[in-house]
Amino acid sequence: MSIIIVGVGQAEFDAMVELDGDDIRISSRGKLAERDIVQFVPFRDYMDRTGNHVLSMARLAKDVLAEIPDQLISYMKSRGIKPNTVPPVYPPDDNSQTNPV
């Protein structure tokens, strides 16, 4: 599971930044979180002052999704799951194509 949080508004998001755990792994009752599964970004950091909201939303999407691959890899490694090998690619069989009558 990966959790993505986008903070909207002008509130202070200190708790969300802490929950994100990029700098310090969060803990509860003395137990450290196994992995960092939270990505937090404040929406206000992506407001484009030039009015080009498409670029702003593209940057937001890029930054929000940036940690997902590392989160997946850390989960797979923690469970000892290895990727399958890629099956070989065979050229198409010439007999598989039919000629229209």
N, C-alpha and C. Protein backbone atom coordinates (compact mmCIF):
# COMPACT_ATOMS: atom_id res chain seq x y z
N MET A 1 0.85 -1.16 0.00
CA MET A 1 0.00 0.00 0.00
C MET A 1 0.90 1.23 0.00
N SER A 2 0.53 2.19 -0.81
CA SER A 2 1.18 3.49 -0.82
C SER A 2 0.10 4.54 -0.58
N ILE A 3 0.39 5.48 0.28
CA ILE A 3 -0.57 6.52 0.62
C ILE A 3 -0.05 7.84 0.10
N ILE A 4 -0.87 8.52 -0.68
CA ILE A 4 -0.52 9.82 -1.22
C ILE A 4 -1.45 10.85 -0.60
N ILE A 5 -0.86 11.89 -0.01
CA ILE A 5 -1.64 12.95 0.63
C ILE A 5 -1.25 14.27 -0.02
N VAL A 6 -2.26 15.01 -0.48
CA VAL A 6 -2.04 16.34 -1.02
C VAL A 6 -2.71 17.32 -0.06
N GLY A 7 -1.91 18.17 0.56
CA GLY A 7 -2.43 19.16 1.49
C GLY A 7 -3.00 20.35 0.75
N VAL A 8 -4.26 20.68 1.00
CA VAL A 8 -4.92 21.78 0.33
C VAL A 8 -5.19 22.89 1.34
N GLY A 9 -4.91 24.13 0.94
CA GLY A 9 -5.16 25.27 1.81
C GLY A 9 -3.89 25.83 2.39
N GLN A 10 -4.06 26.78 3.30
CA GLN A 10 -2.92 27.48 3.87
C GLN A 10 -2.57 26.98 5.28
N ALA A 11 -3.13 25.88 5.69
CA ALA A 11 -2.87 25.34 7.03
C ALA A 11 -1.41 24.91 7.17
N GLU A 12 -0.98 24.72 8.40
CA GLU A 12 0.34 24.16 8.67
C GLU A 12 0.23 22.65 8.53
N PHE A 13 1.17 22.06 7.81
CA PHE A 13 1.11 20.62 7.53
C PHE A 13 2.27 19.88 8.21
N ASP A 14 2.72 20.38 9.35
CA ASP A 14 3.86 19.75 10.03
C ASP A 14 3.62 18.27 10.32
N ALA A 15 2.41 17.93 10.75
CA ALA A 15 2.10 16.53 11.07
C ALA A 15 2.16 15.66 9.81
N MET A 16 1.72 16.21 8.69
CA MET A 16 1.76 15.45 7.43
C MET A 16 3.20 15.24 6.96
N VAL A 17 4.01 16.27 7.14
CA VAL A 17 5.43 16.15 6.76
C VAL A 17 6.08 15.07 7.61
N GLU A 18 5.76 15.04 8.89
CA GLU A 18 6.30 14.01 9.79
C GLU A 18 5.80 12.63 9.38
N LEU A 19 4.53 12.53 9.03
CA LEU A 19 3.95 11.26 8.61
C LEU A 19 4.61 10.75 7.34
N ASP A 20 5.01 11.67 6.47
CA ASP A 20 5.68 11.31 5.21
C ASP A 20 6.95 10.49 5.51
N GLY A 21 7.69 10.84 6.52
CA GLY A 21 8.82 10.03 6.95
C GLY A 21 10.02 10.04 6.03
N ASP A 22 10.16 11.06 5.17
CA ASP A 22 11.32 11.12 4.29
C ASP A 22 12.61 11.34 5.07
N ASP A 23 12.55 12.19 6.10
CA ASP A 23 13.75 12.52 6.86
C ASP A 23 13.95 11.60 8.07
N ILE A 24 12.87 11.33 8.76
CA ILE A 24 12.93 10.49 9.97
C ILE A 24 11.82 9.45 9.90
N ARG A 25 12.17 8.19 10.08
CA ARG A 25 11.18 7.11 10.06
C ARG A 25 10.26 7.28 11.26
N ILE A 26 8.95 7.25 11.02
CA ILE A 26 8.01 7.45 12.11
C ILE A 26 7.94 6.21 12.99
N SER A 27 7.50 6.43 14.23
CA SER A 27 7.36 5.32 15.16
C SER A 27 6.08 5.49 15.96
N SER A 28 5.61 4.38 16.50
CA SER A 28 4.45 4.38 17.36
C SER A 28 4.71 3.43 18.51
N ARG A 29 4.57 3.93 19.71
CA ARG A 29 4.80 3.13 20.92
C ARG A 29 6.18 2.47 20.91
N GLY A 30 7.17 3.20 20.41
CA GLY A 30 8.53 2.71 20.41
C GLY A 30 8.88 1.78 19.26
N LYS A 31 7.93 1.51 18.39
CA LYS A 31 8.19 0.62 17.26
C LYS A 31 8.30 1.45 15.98
N LEU A 32 9.44 1.30 15.28
CA LEU A 32 9.65 2.03 14.03
C LEU A 32 8.82 1.45 12.90
N ALA A 33 8.36 2.33 12.02
CA ALA A 33 7.64 1.87 10.84
C ALA A 33 8.58 1.02 9.99
N GLU A 34 8.06 -0.05 9.45
CA GLU A 34 8.86 -0.96 8.64
C GLU A 34 9.36 -0.30 7.36
N ARG A 35 8.47 0.48 6.72
CA ARG A 35 8.82 1.16 5.47
C ARG A 35 8.14 2.52 5.44
N ASP A 36 8.62 3.39 4.55
CA ASP A 36 7.98 4.67 4.30
C ASP A 36 6.98 4.47 3.18
N ILE A 37 5.68 4.52 3.50
CA ILE A 37 4.66 4.29 2.49
C ILE A 37 3.85 5.55 2.20
N VAL A 38 4.20 6.66 2.83
CA VAL A 38 3.43 7.89 2.69
C VAL A 38 4.21 8.92 1.88
N GLN A 39 3.52 9.54 0.94
CA GLN A 39 4.08 10.65 0.19
C GLN A 39 3.15 11.84 0.39
N PHE A 40 3.68 12.93 0.93
CA PHE A 40 2.88 14.14 1.17
C PHE A 40 3.47 15.30 0.39
N VAL A 41 2.60 16.06 -0.25
CA VAL A 41 3.01 17.32 -0.88
C VAL A 41 1.94 18.37 -0.61
N PRO A 42 2.35 19.59 -0.27
CA PRO A 42 1.37 20.66 -0.12
C PRO A 42 1.01 21.23 -1.50
N PHE A 43 -0.27 21.28 -1.79
CA PHE A 43 -0.75 21.76 -3.09
C PHE A 43 -0.26 23.17 -3.39
N ARG A 44 -0.18 24.02 -2.37
CA ARG A 44 0.22 25.42 -2.58
C ARG A 44 1.61 25.55 -3.20
N ASP A 45 2.45 24.54 -3.02
CA ASP A 45 3.78 24.58 -3.62
C ASP A 45 3.74 24.41 -5.14
N TYR A 46 2.57 24.05 -5.67
CA TYR A 46 2.45 23.76 -7.10
C TYR A 46 1.54 24.76 -7.81
N MET A 47 1.17 25.80 -7.13
CA MET A 47 0.35 26.83 -7.75
C MET A 47 1.25 27.66 -8.66
N ASP A 48 0.97 27.64 -9.93
CA ASP A 48 1.76 28.34 -10.94
C ASP A 48 1.33 29.80 -10.99
N ARG A 49 2.25 30.69 -10.73
CA ARG A 49 1.93 32.12 -10.73
C ARG A 49 1.75 32.67 -12.14
N THR A 50 2.18 31.94 -13.16
CA THR A 50 2.04 32.41 -14.53
C THR A 50 0.69 32.03 -15.12
N GLY A 51 -0.07 31.22 -14.43
CA GLY A 51 -1.37 30.81 -14.93
C GLY A 51 -1.35 29.53 -15.73
N ASN A 52 -0.19 28.92 -15.88
CA ASN A 52 -0.10 27.67 -16.64
C ASN A 52 -0.35 26.51 -15.68
N HIS A 53 -1.62 26.21 -15.47
CA HIS A 53 -1.99 25.17 -14.50
C HIS A 53 -1.66 23.77 -15.00
N VAL A 54 -1.56 23.59 -16.31
CA VAL A 54 -1.22 22.28 -16.85
C VAL A 54 0.18 21.88 -16.40
N LEU A 55 1.14 22.81 -16.51
CA LEU A 55 2.50 22.50 -16.05
C LEU A 55 2.54 22.29 -14.55
N SER A 56 1.77 23.07 -13.80
CA SER A 56 1.73 22.91 -12.34
C SER A 56 1.23 21.53 -11.96
N MET A 57 0.16 21.07 -12.62
CA MET A 57 -0.42 19.78 -12.30
C MET A 57 0.51 18.65 -12.76
N ALA A 58 1.25 18.86 -13.83
CA ALA A 58 2.21 17.86 -14.28
C ALA A 58 3.34 17.72 -13.25
N ARG A 59 3.82 18.84 -12.72
CA ARG A 59 4.86 18.78 -11.69
C ARG A 59 4.33 18.13 -10.42
N LEU A 60 3.10 18.46 -10.05
CA LEU A 60 2.47 17.85 -8.87
C LEU A 60 2.38 16.34 -9.04
N ALA A 61 1.88 15.90 -10.18
CA ALA A 61 1.75 14.46 -10.42
C ALA A 61 3.11 13.77 -10.38
N LYS A 62 4.10 14.38 -11.00
CA LYS A 62 5.45 13.80 -11.02
C LYS A 62 6.00 13.65 -9.60
N ASP A 63 5.87 14.69 -8.79
CA ASP A 63 6.42 14.64 -7.43
C ASP A 63 5.62 13.71 -6.53
N VAL A 64 4.31 13.68 -6.69
CA VAL A 64 3.47 12.82 -5.86
C VAL A 64 3.78 11.35 -6.14
N LEU A 65 3.99 11.01 -7.40
CA LEU A 65 4.21 9.62 -7.78
C LEU A 65 5.67 9.19 -7.71
N ALA A 66 6.57 10.12 -7.42
CA ALA A 66 8.01 9.84 -7.48
C ALA A 66 8.47 8.72 -6.56
N GLU A 67 7.86 8.59 -5.40
CA GLU A 67 8.33 7.60 -4.42
C GLU A 67 7.70 6.22 -4.59
N ILE A 68 6.66 6.11 -5.40
CA ILE A 68 5.95 4.84 -5.54
C ILE A 68 6.87 3.69 -5.99
N PRO A 69 7.71 3.89 -7.01
CA PRO A 69 8.59 2.77 -7.42
C PRO A 69 9.50 2.28 -6.28
N ASP A 70 10.09 3.20 -5.53
CA ASP A 70 10.96 2.80 -4.42
C ASP A 70 10.16 2.09 -3.32
N GLN A 71 8.92 2.54 -3.10
CA GLN A 71 8.08 1.89 -2.09
C GLN A 71 7.77 0.45 -2.52
N LEU A 72 7.48 0.25 -3.78
CA LEU A 72 7.20 -1.10 -4.29
C LEU A 72 8.44 -1.98 -4.17
N ILE A 73 9.58 -1.47 -4.57
CA ILE A 73 10.82 -2.26 -4.50
C ILE A 73 11.16 -2.61 -3.06
N SER A 74 11.00 -1.66 -2.14
CA SER A 74 11.32 -1.96 -0.74
C SER A 74 10.39 -3.03 -0.19
N TYR A 75 9.11 -3.00 -0.60
CA TYR A 75 8.17 -4.04 -0.17
C TYR A 75 8.59 -5.40 -0.71
N MET A 76 8.89 -5.45 -2.00
CA MET A 76 9.27 -6.72 -2.63
C MET A 76 10.53 -7.29 -1.97
N LYS A 77 11.52 -6.44 -1.73
CA LYS A 77 12.76 -6.91 -1.09
C LYS A 77 12.49 -7.40 0.33
N SER A 78 11.64 -6.68 1.07
CA SER A 78 11.37 -7.07 2.45
C SER A 78 10.67 -8.43 2.53
N ARG A 79 9.96 -8.81 1.48
CA ARG A 79 9.24 -10.09 1.44
C ARG A 79 10.00 -11.16 0.65
N GLY A 80 11.18 -10.80 0.13
CA GLY A 80 11.98 -11.75 -0.63
C GLY A 80 11.36 -12.12 -1.97
N ILE A 81 10.56 -11.23 -2.52
CA ILE A 81 9.90 -11.47 -3.80
C ILE A 81 10.81 -10.98 -4.92
N LYS A 82 11.12 -11.89 -5.84
CA LYS A 82 11.98 -11.53 -6.96
C LYS A 82 11.16 -11.47 -8.23
N PRO A 83 11.55 -10.59 -9.16
CA PRO A 83 10.79 -10.50 -10.41
C PRO A 83 10.93 -11.76 -11.24
N ASN A 84 9.90 -12.05 -12.00
CA ASN A 84 9.95 -13.17 -12.93
C ASN A 84 10.86 -12.81 -14.10
N THR A 85 11.42 -13.82 -14.72
CA THR A 85 12.21 -13.54 -15.91
C THR A 85 11.26 -13.25 -17.06
N VAL A 86 11.72 -12.45 -17.99
CA VAL A 86 10.91 -12.10 -19.15
C VAL A 86 10.94 -13.27 -20.13
N PRO A 87 9.77 -13.73 -20.56
CA PRO A 87 9.75 -14.84 -21.52
C PRO A 87 10.35 -14.38 -22.85
N PRO A 88 10.94 -15.30 -23.60
CA PRO A 88 11.52 -14.91 -24.89
C PRO A 88 10.44 -14.49 -25.87
N VAL A 89 10.81 -13.60 -26.75
CA VAL A 89 9.89 -13.14 -27.78
C VAL A 89 10.18 -13.92 -29.05
N TYR A 90 9.17 -14.57 -29.58
CA TYR A 90 9.32 -15.36 -30.80
C TYR A 90 8.76 -14.59 -31.98
N PRO A 91 9.37 -14.74 -33.16
CA PRO A 91 8.82 -14.06 -34.35
C PRO A 91 7.46 -14.66 -34.69
N PRO A 92 6.59 -13.88 -35.32
CA PRO A 92 5.26 -14.41 -35.68
C PRO A 92 5.39 -15.58 -36.64
N ASP A 93 4.48 -16.51 -36.50
CA ASP A 93 4.43 -17.68 -37.37
C ASP A 93 3.77 -17.27 -38.68
N ASP A 94 4.46 -17.50 -39.81
CA ASP A 94 3.92 -17.11 -41.11
C ASP A 94 2.60 -17.81 -41.41
N ASN A 95 2.38 -19.00 -40.86
CA ASN A 95 1.15 -19.75 -41.11
C ASN A 95 -0.04 -19.18 -40.34
N SER A 96 0.25 -18.31 -39.38
CA SER A 96 -0.84 -17.79 -38.55
C SER A 96 -1.64 -16.72 -39.27
N GLN A 97 -1.07 -16.14 -40.33
CA GLN A 97 -1.79 -15.12 -41.07
C GLN A 97 -2.62 -15.77 -42.18
N THR A 98 -3.85 -15.35 -42.26
CA THR A 98 -4.73 -15.90 -43.29
C THR A 98 -4.85 -14.93 -44.43
N ASN A 99 -4.95 -15.46 -45.64
CA ASN A 99 -5.13 -14.63 -46.81
C ASN A 99 -6.61 -14.48 -47.10
N PRO A 100 -7.05 -13.23 -47.30
CA PRO A 100 -8.49 -13.04 -47.61
C PRO A 100 -8.80 -13.62 -48.98
N VAL A 101 -9.97 -14.18 -49.11
CA VAL A 101 -10.40 -14.82 -50.37
C VAL A 101 -11.15 -13.83 -51.21
